[in-house]
Amino acid sequence: MEIERLYNEWQRLQPLKDEDQKRLNQKFMLEFNYNSNHLEGNTLTYGQTQMLLLFGKVVDAANMKDLEDMKASNVALKMIQDQAVSKDPLTETFIRQLHQTLLRKNYTVYRELAGGDKTSYTIHVGQYKTRPNSVITSTGEQFDYASPQETPALMTDLVNWYNEEEQKRELTIVELCALFHYRYIRIHPFEDGNGRIARLLVNYILSRHKYPMIVVQSSDKDNYLNALNLCDTNVGLVPSDAAHALIEKISPFVSYIEHCMEKALTISIKAAKGESIEQEDDFLKELKVLEREKKQELEAEKSKLRFSGEKVWDILEFFYYPLTECFENVIKTTNSIFRFTSISYYNLLSKTKESRGGIHINEVMRGINDPKILEFVNKAQSIWFYGLMSDPMQPKNLNLEINKTFHITFFEDHYFVDGILNKNFPYGKYPTEEDKRQLISSFKQDILSELKEKM
């Protein structure tokens, strides 16, 4: 038998060098947690799982529950490895503790029924189910697991059977794992997390008997479920019968677990020999991680070049405010000589490329936490500065009026500064000090020209 041959070779290679054991442990830890959770719908990528479990870092936007589930899965994995070292028999208490570790705390699930009505129920951690958890198959039929009333007795039977069977040694370890997994799944003792618990307990059994632990690949989900479904056909639909299924009835699933074990032993032997344990799918995973990181870098660079409300604030703070403060000082200096009876200046933020529909920037600053103001900033298309001086204390026939305008216009991937500059700037870049001096000088010259012309 291939498994026996591989296992004997594996045993001859014991103990492994520390560095080989470390890389084997790390590979299994990542593979098991990623795949076991991915099978149940966890959205973390392999790269995110790697960064979370090896470095404690979160990359990209990630669902908080998925992050917490992955961390809890790793704690539960360590828990079964520690328990496997013990000589104590398996207990229901340990299984419930494992469930509590994996799911962490009670939570509410909300469902919409076929008629549109909504319902909700609570998932209780560390407790057997209090409501039926039947499922509807792809053919529309109802598939029943053990009822809440049956579950406690069936779980007691399962644990007692396992402890006795382990002592008898009549079944191979692979058969013991396969039969325990199948019986457990047909009971489905908890309201959630049953698949993950089943795979953890299979590895608890393997670890107790000095076998490498196995990984059910999420990419192989169809074969995994199909093997279980074939057994259901052999065993029948009555949950209590399935909870006491015989080994002869579940041969498809035994074959599936054998396949997983052969793979685990092969990788473990390679590690023990100091050979590479990288697989083709590992290479593809790493390529995808690098591809995603590259895309993130490109997106980060592109985001710097795209219009946003944040960019408006930056332009206001680092360019517009300092510049218009200089403009205002020029107006004040002019007024100190000519004594205008009317002097004013306005800073307007507009949702168009004209000054129409603008609001004063002082109002924007006062409403910095106002959702309406924030929405206005996010839709801004231009900023306008007006400086107005009129009706100086001069003979009436002069009737001097000076009106100066300066504005910035926003586009999708740049902004435009008018006046003597007439330049486009990418977001994140600002006019130089020389540019600012040119603008201020131009502003002064325009005022002087108008004064000379009108006087």
Protein backbone atom coordinates (compact mmCIF):
# COMPACT_ATOMS: atom_id res chain seq x y z
CA MET A 1 0.00 0.00 0.00
CA GLU A 2 1.42 3.38 -1.04
CA ILE A 3 0.56 5.17 2.20
CA GLU A 4 2.29 2.50 4.28
CA ARG A 5 5.42 2.74 2.11
CA LEU A 6 5.48 6.53 2.33
CA TYR A 7 4.83 6.47 6.06
CA ASN A 8 7.70 4.05 6.69
CA GLU A 9 10.03 6.26 4.68
CA TRP A 10 8.82 9.27 6.63
CA GLN A 11 9.56 7.53 9.92
CA ARG A 12 13.07 6.54 8.81
CA LEU A 13 13.86 10.21 8.20
CA GLN A 14 12.98 11.26 11.75
CA PRO A 15 13.94 13.50 13.42
CA LEU A 16 14.03 16.38 10.95
CA LYS A 17 16.61 19.13 11.09
CA ASP A 18 15.29 22.19 12.86
CA GLU A 19 15.24 24.32 9.71
CA ASP A 20 13.42 21.61 7.72
CA GLN A 21 10.84 21.12 10.47
CA LYS A 22 10.32 24.87 10.66
CA ARG A 23 9.63 25.32 6.95
CA LEU A 24 7.35 22.27 6.91
CA ASN A 25 5.40 23.58 9.92
CA GLN A 26 5.10 27.02 8.38
CA LYS A 27 3.91 25.67 5.05
CA PHE A 28 1.28 23.49 6.67
CA MET A 29 0.09 26.27 8.99
CA LEU A 30 -0.49 28.63 6.08
CA GLU A 31 -1.97 26.01 3.77
CA PHE A 32 -4.34 24.58 6.35
CA ASN A 33 -5.68 27.89 7.67
CA TYR A 34 -6.07 29.43 4.24
CA ASN A 35 -7.77 26.43 2.62
CA SER A 36 -9.97 25.33 5.53
CA ASN A 37 -11.39 28.84 5.89
CA HIS A 38 -11.56 29.47 2.16
CA LEU A 39 -13.71 26.35 1.81
CA GLU A 40 -16.28 28.07 4.05
CA GLY A 41 -16.28 31.39 2.18
CA ASN A 42 -13.49 33.34 3.88
CA THR A 43 -12.39 36.06 1.43
CA LEU A 44 -8.78 36.57 2.55
CA THR A 45 -6.28 35.81 -0.18
CA TYR A 46 -3.29 33.54 0.37
CA GLY A 47 -1.04 36.59 0.50
CA GLN A 48 -3.25 38.30 3.10
CA THR A 49 -3.28 35.09 5.16
CA GLN A 50 0.50 34.92 4.95
CA MET A 51 0.99 38.54 6.07
CA LEU A 52 -1.56 38.15 8.89
CA LEU A 53 -0.31 34.86 10.36
CA LEU A 54 3.44 35.34 9.82
CA PHE A 55 3.80 39.08 10.41
CA GLY A 56 0.58 40.18 12.08
CA LYS A 57 -0.05 42.69 9.31
CA VAL A 58 -3.23 43.43 7.39
CA VAL A 59 -2.84 44.28 3.70
CA ASP A 60 -5.56 45.67 1.44
CA ALA A 61 -9.09 46.23 2.59
CA ALA A 62 -10.13 43.07 4.39
CA ASN A 63 -13.37 41.95 6.02
CA MET A 64 -12.91 42.22 9.79
CA LYS A 65 -14.78 38.96 10.49
CA ASP A 66 -12.61 37.11 7.96
CA LEU A 67 -9.48 38.46 9.64
CA GLU A 68 -10.67 37.40 13.09
CA ASP A 69 -11.78 34.00 11.78
CA MET A 70 -8.34 33.38 10.29
CA LYS A 71 -6.54 34.31 13.51
CA ALA A 72 -8.92 32.13 15.55
CA SER A 73 -8.38 29.24 13.14
CA ASN A 74 -4.65 29.39 13.78
CA VAL A 75 -5.21 29.40 17.56
CA ALA A 76 -7.50 26.36 17.19
CA LEU A 77 -4.84 24.60 15.09
CA LYS A 78 -2.26 25.08 17.85
CA MET A 79 -4.86 23.89 20.34
CA ILE A 80 -5.36 20.52 18.60
CA GLN A 81 -1.61 20.07 18.17
CA ASP A 82 -1.06 20.63 21.90
CA GLN A 83 -3.93 18.33 22.83
CA ALA A 84 -2.65 15.60 20.50
CA VAL A 85 0.53 15.35 22.55
CA SER A 86 -1.53 14.53 25.62
CA LYS A 87 -2.36 10.91 26.42
CA ASP A 88 -5.83 11.93 27.50
CA PRO A 89 -8.76 10.51 25.53
CA LEU A 90 -10.87 12.71 23.28
CA THR A 91 -13.78 14.41 25.12
CA GLU A 92 -16.88 16.34 24.15
CA THR A 93 -15.66 19.13 26.41
CA PHE A 94 -12.54 19.52 24.27
CA ILE A 95 -14.62 19.61 21.06
CA ARG A 96 -16.88 22.31 22.53
CA GLN A 97 -13.84 24.29 23.68
CA LEU A 98 -12.38 23.98 20.20
CA HIS A 99 -15.63 25.35 18.77
CA GLN A 100 -15.60 28.25 21.22
CA THR A 101 -12.02 29.08 20.27
CA LEU A 102 -12.82 28.97 16.57
CA LEU A 103 -16.01 31.08 16.64
CA ARG A 104 -14.98 33.28 19.62
CA LYS A 105 -18.35 34.76 20.63
CA ASN A 106 -22.08 34.46 20.00
CA TYR A 107 -23.37 36.33 16.96
CA THR A 108 -26.66 36.86 15.15
CA VAL A 109 -27.37 35.68 11.62
CA TYR A 110 -30.03 37.44 9.55
CA ARG A 111 -31.84 35.65 6.72
CA GLU A 112 -34.48 36.61 4.17
CA LEU A 113 -37.11 33.93 3.61
CA ALA A 114 -38.55 32.94 0.24
CA GLY A 115 -41.65 35.10 0.72
CA GLY A 116 -39.61 38.18 1.54
CA ASP A 117 -40.01 37.90 5.32
CA LYS A 118 -36.89 38.28 7.40
CA THR A 119 -35.73 36.11 10.27
CA SER A 120 -32.73 35.95 12.58
CA TYR A 121 -31.13 33.50 14.96
CA THR A 122 -28.15 33.39 17.29
CA ILE A 123 -25.08 31.23 16.78
CA HIS A 124 -24.00 29.92 20.19
CA VAL A 125 -20.30 29.20 20.54
CA GLY A 126 -19.22 26.08 22.39
CA GLN A 127 -22.80 24.77 22.58
CA TYR A 128 -24.57 22.12 20.57
CA LYS A 129 -27.23 23.40 18.21
CA THR A 130 -30.61 24.54 19.52
CA ARG A 131 -32.32 24.67 16.11
CA PRO A 132 -32.32 22.35 13.08
CA ASN A 133 -29.56 23.05 10.55
CA SER A 134 -30.88 21.16 7.56
CA VAL A 135 -29.77 22.33 4.11
CA ILE A 136 -31.45 22.52 0.71
CA THR A 137 -29.50 20.61 -1.93
CA SER A 138 -28.83 21.76 -5.50
CA THR A 139 -31.83 19.67 -6.60
CA GLY A 140 -34.12 21.57 -4.20
CA GLU A 141 -34.48 18.70 -1.72
CA GLN A 142 -34.04 19.03 2.04
CA PHE A 143 -31.06 17.20 3.52
CA ASP A 144 -31.33 16.64 7.27
CA TYR A 145 -28.57 16.47 9.82
CA ALA A 146 -29.21 15.22 13.35
CA SER A 147 -31.91 17.12 15.21
CA PRO A 148 -31.02 19.28 18.24
CA GLN A 149 -32.68 16.65 20.43
CA GLU A 150 -30.63 13.80 18.98
CA THR A 151 -27.30 15.63 18.93
CA PRO A 152 -26.06 15.27 22.55
CA ALA A 153 -26.53 11.48 22.59
CA LEU A 154 -25.04 11.04 19.10
CA MET A 155 -21.99 13.11 20.04
CA THR A 156 -21.48 11.03 23.17
CA ASP A 157 -21.67 7.90 21.00
CA LEU A 158 -19.19 9.38 18.51
CA VAL A 159 -16.58 10.28 21.13
CA ASN A 160 -16.95 6.94 22.94
CA TRP A 161 -16.68 5.05 19.66
CA TYR A 162 -13.55 6.97 18.67
CA ASN A 163 -11.77 6.32 21.99
CA GLU A 164 -12.60 2.61 21.83
CA GLU A 165 -11.69 2.28 18.15
CA GLU A 166 -8.39 4.02 18.71
CA GLN A 167 -7.49 1.38 21.29
CA LYS A 168 -8.68 -1.53 19.12
CA ARG A 169 -6.49 -0.49 16.15
CA GLU A 170 -8.68 -2.45 13.77
CA LEU A 171 -8.98 0.48 11.37
CA THR A 172 -6.05 2.13 9.65
CA ILE A 173 -5.41 5.72 10.72
CA VAL A 174 -6.75 6.97 7.38
CA GLU A 175 -9.94 4.89 7.83
CA LEU A 176 -10.31 6.17 11.40
CA CYS A 177 -9.97 9.77 10.25
CA ALA A 178 -12.37 9.34 7.33
CA LEU A 179 -15.04 7.60 9.39
CA PHE A 180 -14.80 10.08 12.26
CA HIS A 181 -15.07 13.02 9.83
CA TYR A 182 -18.05 11.49 8.03
CA ARG A 183 -19.97 10.59 11.19
CA TYR A 184 -19.28 14.00 12.71
CA ILE A 185 -20.45 15.86 9.60
CA ARG A 186 -23.69 13.87 9.44
CA ILE A 187 -24.42 14.90 13.04
CA HIS A 188 -23.47 18.54 12.33
CA PRO A 189 -23.54 19.26 16.06
CA PHE A 190 -23.02 23.03 16.01
CA GLU A 191 -24.95 25.85 14.39
CA ASP A 192 -21.89 26.97 12.44
CA GLY A 193 -18.26 25.97 11.92
CA ASN A 194 -18.82 22.21 11.54
CA GLY A 195 -16.63 21.77 8.46
CA ARG A 196 -13.70 23.60 10.03
CA ILE A 197 -14.07 21.61 13.27
CA ALA A 198 -14.20 18.32 11.32
CA ARG A 199 -10.95 19.11 9.48
CA LEU A 200 -9.26 20.19 12.72
CA LEU A 201 -10.27 16.96 14.45
CA VAL A 202 -9.00 14.85 11.56
CA ASN A 203 -5.61 16.48 12.04
CA TYR A 204 -5.88 15.99 15.79
CA ILE A 205 -6.18 12.24 15.13
CA LEU A 206 -3.29 12.22 12.65
CA SER A 207 -1.05 14.21 14.97
CA ARG A 208 -1.79 11.83 17.87
CA HIS A 209 -0.54 8.96 15.75
CA LYS A 210 2.58 10.73 14.44
CA TYR A 211 1.27 11.17 10.90
CA PRO A 212 1.70 14.41 8.94
CA MET A 213 -1.44 16.53 9.05
CA ILE A 214 -3.42 16.98 5.83
CA VAL A 215 -4.89 19.90 3.92
CA VAL A 216 -8.14 19.78 1.98
CA GLN A 217 -7.46 22.27 -0.81
CA SER A 218 -10.20 24.82 -1.45
CA SER A 219 -9.51 24.35 -5.17
CA ASP A 220 -10.52 20.70 -4.68
CA LYS A 221 -13.81 21.54 -2.96
CA ASP A 222 -15.98 19.81 -5.56
CA ASN A 223 -14.13 16.49 -5.20
CA TYR A 224 -14.20 16.77 -1.40
CA LEU A 225 -17.96 17.33 -1.28
CA ASN A 226 -18.64 14.80 -4.02
CA ALA A 227 -16.83 12.09 -2.03
CA LEU A 228 -19.02 12.89 1.00
CA ASN A 229 -22.17 12.90 -1.14
CA LEU A 230 -21.35 9.49 -2.61
CA CYS A 231 -21.14 8.16 0.94
CA ASP A 232 -24.55 9.71 1.73
CA THR A 233 -26.01 7.65 -1.10
CA ASN A 234 -24.50 4.47 0.37
CA VAL A 235 -25.39 5.23 3.98
CA GLY A 236 -28.87 6.66 3.52
CA LEU A 237 -30.63 9.82 4.63
CA VAL A 238 -31.44 8.96 8.28
CA PRO A 239 -29.05 11.05 10.45
CA SER A 240 -28.89 8.55 13.31
CA ASP A 241 -27.89 5.79 10.86
CA ALA A 242 -25.23 8.01 9.32
CA ALA A 243 -23.88 8.89 12.79
CA HIS A 244 -23.13 5.17 13.20
CA ALA A 245 -22.03 4.53 9.59
CA LEU A 246 -19.78 1.55 8.89
CA ILE A 247 -16.43 1.83 7.15
CA GLU A 248 -17.63 -0.28 4.21
CA LYS A 249 -20.23 2.39 3.36
CA ILE A 250 -17.84 5.30 3.07
CA SER A 251 -15.15 3.98 0.74
CA PRO A 252 -15.31 7.06 -1.57
CA PHE A 253 -14.35 9.31 1.33
CA VAL A 254 -11.64 6.92 2.56
CA SER A 255 -10.12 7.12 -0.93
CA TYR A 256 -10.28 10.91 -0.80
CA ILE A 257 -8.50 11.09 2.58
CA GLU A 258 -5.90 8.61 1.26
CA HIS A 259 -5.19 10.98 -1.62
CA CYS A 260 -4.71 13.88 0.84
CA MET A 261 -2.45 11.72 3.04
CA GLU A 262 -0.25 10.63 0.13
CA LYS A 263 0.24 14.28 -0.79
CA ALA A 264 1.04 15.26 2.83
CA LEU A 265 3.55 12.42 3.21
CA THR A 266 5.25 13.24 -0.10
CA ILE A 267 5.72 16.89 0.89
CA SER A 268 6.90 15.92 4.37
CA ILE A 269 9.48 13.48 2.96
CA LYS A 270 10.80 16.17 0.63
CA ALA A 271 11.16 18.54 3.58
CA ALA A 272 12.95 15.86 5.61
CA LYS A 273 15.42 15.38 2.75
CA GLY A 274 16.07 19.10 2.58
CA GLU A 275 14.39 19.36 -0.83
CA SER A 276 12.12 22.16 -1.99
CA ILE A 277 8.51 21.81 -0.87
CA GLU A 278 7.31 24.58 -3.14
CA GLN A 279 4.54 23.34 -5.40
CA GLU A 280 3.33 24.70 -8.69
CA ASP A 281 0.24 26.16 -7.03
CA ASP A 282 2.51 27.82 -4.45
CA PHE A 283 4.39 29.46 -7.31
CA LEU A 284 1.14 30.68 -8.82
CA LYS A 285 0.01 31.99 -5.42
CA GLU A 286 3.23 33.95 -5.05
CA LEU A 287 2.85 35.34 -8.57
CA LYS A 288 -0.67 36.46 -7.74
CA VAL A 289 0.54 38.10 -4.53
CA LEU A 290 3.21 40.01 -6.48
CA GLU A 291 0.71 40.89 -9.20
CA ARG A 292 -1.70 42.29 -6.61
CA GLU A 293 1.07 44.27 -4.89
CA LYS A 294 2.09 45.75 -8.24
CA LYS A 295 -1.50 46.71 -8.99
CA GLN A 296 -1.76 48.34 -5.57
CA GLU A 297 1.36 50.39 -6.24
CA LEU A 298 0.00 51.50 -9.61
CA GLU A 299 -3.37 52.34 -8.09
CA ALA A 300 -1.66 54.30 -5.32
CA GLU A 301 0.27 56.28 -7.93
CA LYS A 302 -2.83 56.83 -10.03
CA SER A 303 -4.82 57.99 -7.00
CA LYS A 304 -2.28 60.76 -6.50
CA LEU A 305 -3.13 61.98 -9.98
CA ARG A 306 -6.91 61.85 -9.66
CA PHE A 307 -9.20 64.59 -8.43
CA SER A 308 -10.64 64.20 -4.94
CA GLY A 309 -11.88 66.34 -2.07
CA GLU A 310 -8.60 65.62 -0.29
CA LYS A 311 -6.68 67.15 -3.18
CA VAL A 312 -8.80 70.31 -2.88
CA TRP A 313 -7.87 70.65 0.80
CA ASP A 314 -4.20 70.13 -0.03
CA ILE A 315 -4.23 72.80 -2.74
CA LEU A 316 -6.01 75.21 -0.41
CA GLU A 317 -3.54 74.61 2.41
CA PHE A 318 -0.24 74.41 0.55
CA PHE A 319 -0.76 76.82 -2.33
CA TYR A 320 -3.96 78.86 -2.47
CA TYR A 321 -4.09 80.26 1.09
CA PRO A 322 -0.45 81.47 1.19
CA LEU A 323 -0.84 83.03 -2.26
CA THR A 324 -4.12 84.85 -1.61
CA GLU A 325 -2.73 86.15 1.68
CA CYS A 326 -0.06 87.89 -0.42
CA PHE A 327 -2.76 89.21 -2.78
CA GLU A 328 -4.69 90.63 0.16
CA ASN A 329 -1.53 92.34 1.45
CA VAL A 330 -1.04 93.94 -1.98
CA ILE A 331 -4.60 95.27 -1.85
CA LYS A 332 -4.12 96.57 1.69
CA THR A 333 -0.88 98.32 0.68
CA THR A 334 -2.63 99.91 -2.34
CA ASN A 335 -5.48 101.05 -0.12
CA SER A 336 -3.11 102.57 2.43
CA ILE A 337 -2.01 105.04 -0.30
CA PHE A 338 -5.23 105.65 -2.23
CA ARG A 339 -7.78 105.38 0.57
CA PHE A 340 -10.52 103.51 -1.26
CA THR A 341 -13.93 103.86 0.34
CA SER A 342 -14.82 100.31 -0.67
CA ILE A 343 -12.39 97.42 -0.42
CA SER A 344 -13.24 93.72 -0.36
CA TYR A 345 -11.91 90.34 -1.36
CA TYR A 346 -13.61 87.01 -1.61
CA ASN A 347 -12.45 83.39 -1.68
CA LEU A 348 -15.07 81.20 -3.29
CA LEU A 349 -15.27 77.46 -3.85
CA SER A 350 -17.51 76.58 -6.79
CA LYS A 351 -19.15 73.39 -8.05
CA THR A 352 -18.80 74.75 -11.61
CA LYS A 353 -15.87 76.05 -13.60
CA GLU A 354 -17.35 79.52 -13.14
CA SER A 355 -17.80 81.45 -9.90
CA ARG A 356 -21.55 80.90 -9.99
CA GLY A 357 -22.88 78.66 -7.27
CA GLY A 358 -19.84 79.21 -5.10
CA ILE A 359 -19.64 79.36 -1.32
CA HIS A 360 -17.17 81.38 0.71
CA ILE A 361 -14.15 79.37 1.81
CA ASN A 362 -14.55 80.66 5.37
CA GLU A 363 -17.94 78.94 5.37
CA VAL A 364 -16.27 75.78 4.06
CA MET A 365 -13.77 75.86 6.92
CA ARG A 366 -16.47 76.41 9.54
CA GLY A 367 -18.43 73.46 8.19
CA ILE A 368 -15.51 71.06 7.91
CA ASN A 369 -17.53 68.31 9.66
CA ASP A 370 -20.78 69.11 7.87
CA PRO A 371 -21.64 66.30 5.40
CA LYS A 372 -23.17 68.83 2.97
CA ILE A 373 -19.99 70.91 2.98
CA LEU A 374 -17.83 67.80 2.53
CA GLU A 375 -19.99 66.73 -0.39
CA PHE A 376 -19.61 70.23 -1.88
CA VAL A 377 -15.80 70.00 -1.58
CA ASN A 378 -15.81 66.56 -3.23
CA LYS A 379 -17.69 68.02 -6.20
CA ALA A 380 -15.72 71.29 -6.45
CA GLN A 381 -14.59 72.36 -9.90
CA SER A 382 -12.86 75.67 -9.18
CA ILE A 383 -11.61 78.17 -6.58
CA TRP A 384 -11.93 81.93 -7.15
CA PHE A 385 -10.26 84.95 -5.60
CA TYR A 386 -11.85 88.39 -6.09
CA GLY A 387 -10.20 91.64 -5.05
CA LEU A 388 -12.30 94.81 -5.43
CA MET A 389 -11.27 98.42 -4.75
CA SER A 390 -13.58 101.28 -5.74
CA ASP A 391 -14.56 104.94 -5.28
CA PRO A 392 -11.38 106.38 -3.76
CA MET A 393 -11.31 109.77 -2.06
CA GLN A 394 -10.48 111.49 -5.33
CA PRO A 395 -12.26 114.00 -7.54
CA LYS A 396 -15.54 112.47 -8.71
CA ASN A 397 -14.52 112.50 -12.33
CA LEU A 398 -11.82 109.91 -11.67
CA ASN A 399 -14.25 107.39 -10.07
CA LEU A 400 -11.52 104.74 -9.85
CA GLU A 401 -12.41 101.02 -9.62
CA ILE A 402 -10.00 98.08 -9.68
CA ASN A 403 -11.30 94.52 -9.87
CA LYS A 404 -8.80 91.64 -9.79
CA THR A 405 -9.64 87.96 -10.26
CA PHE A 406 -7.51 84.83 -9.89
CA HIS A 407 -8.75 81.27 -10.06
CA ILE A 408 -7.83 77.56 -10.07
CA THR A 409 -9.80 75.02 -12.10
CA PHE A 410 -9.94 71.30 -11.28
CA PHE A 411 -9.92 68.55 -13.89
CA GLU A 412 -9.91 64.75 -13.54
CA ASP A 413 -6.13 64.30 -13.59
CA HIS A 414 -4.75 67.85 -13.14
CA TYR A 415 -5.58 71.38 -12.08
CA PHE A 416 -5.07 74.63 -13.99
CA VAL A 417 -3.67 77.87 -12.52
CA ASP A 418 -4.70 80.97 -14.52
CA GLY A 419 -2.94 84.34 -14.80
CA ILE A 420 0.56 84.78 -16.04
CA LEU A 421 1.30 81.09 -15.27
CA ASN A 422 -1.41 79.50 -17.39
CA LYS A 423 -0.07 76.14 -16.31
CA ASN A 424 -1.43 72.67 -15.61
CA PHE A 425 -0.21 70.81 -12.52
CA PRO A 426 -0.71 67.14 -11.59
CA TYR A 427 -2.36 66.57 -8.22
CA GLY A 428 0.23 66.29 -5.48
CA LYS A 429 2.49 68.86 -7.21
CA TYR A 430 2.34 72.61 -6.55
CA PRO A 431 3.65 75.75 -8.28
CA THR A 432 7.23 76.59 -7.31
CA GLU A 433 8.28 79.61 -5.27
CA GLU A 434 9.32 81.25 -8.54
CA ASP A 435 5.83 80.59 -9.94
CA LYS A 436 4.32 82.27 -6.88
CA ARG A 437 6.60 85.29 -7.21
CA GLN A 438 5.54 85.61 -10.85
CA LEU A 439 1.87 85.54 -9.88
CA ILE A 440 2.31 88.16 -7.16
CA SER A 441 4.43 90.37 -9.41
CA SER A 442 1.82 90.08 -12.16
CA PHE A 443 -0.91 90.99 -9.68
CA LYS A 444 1.02 94.14 -8.62
CA GLN A 445 1.73 95.15 -12.22
CA ASP A 446 -1.94 94.78 -13.18
CA ILE A 447 -2.95 97.10 -10.31
CA LEU A 448 -0.30 99.67 -11.27
CA SER A 449 -1.39 99.54 -14.93
CA GLU A 450 -5.04 100.10 -14.06
CA LEU A 451 -4.21 102.96 -11.69
CA LYS A 452 -2.06 104.68 -14.34
CA GLU A 453 -4.73 104.19 -16.99
CA LYS A 454 -7.64 105.47 -14.90
CA MET A 455 -5.85 108.37 -13.31
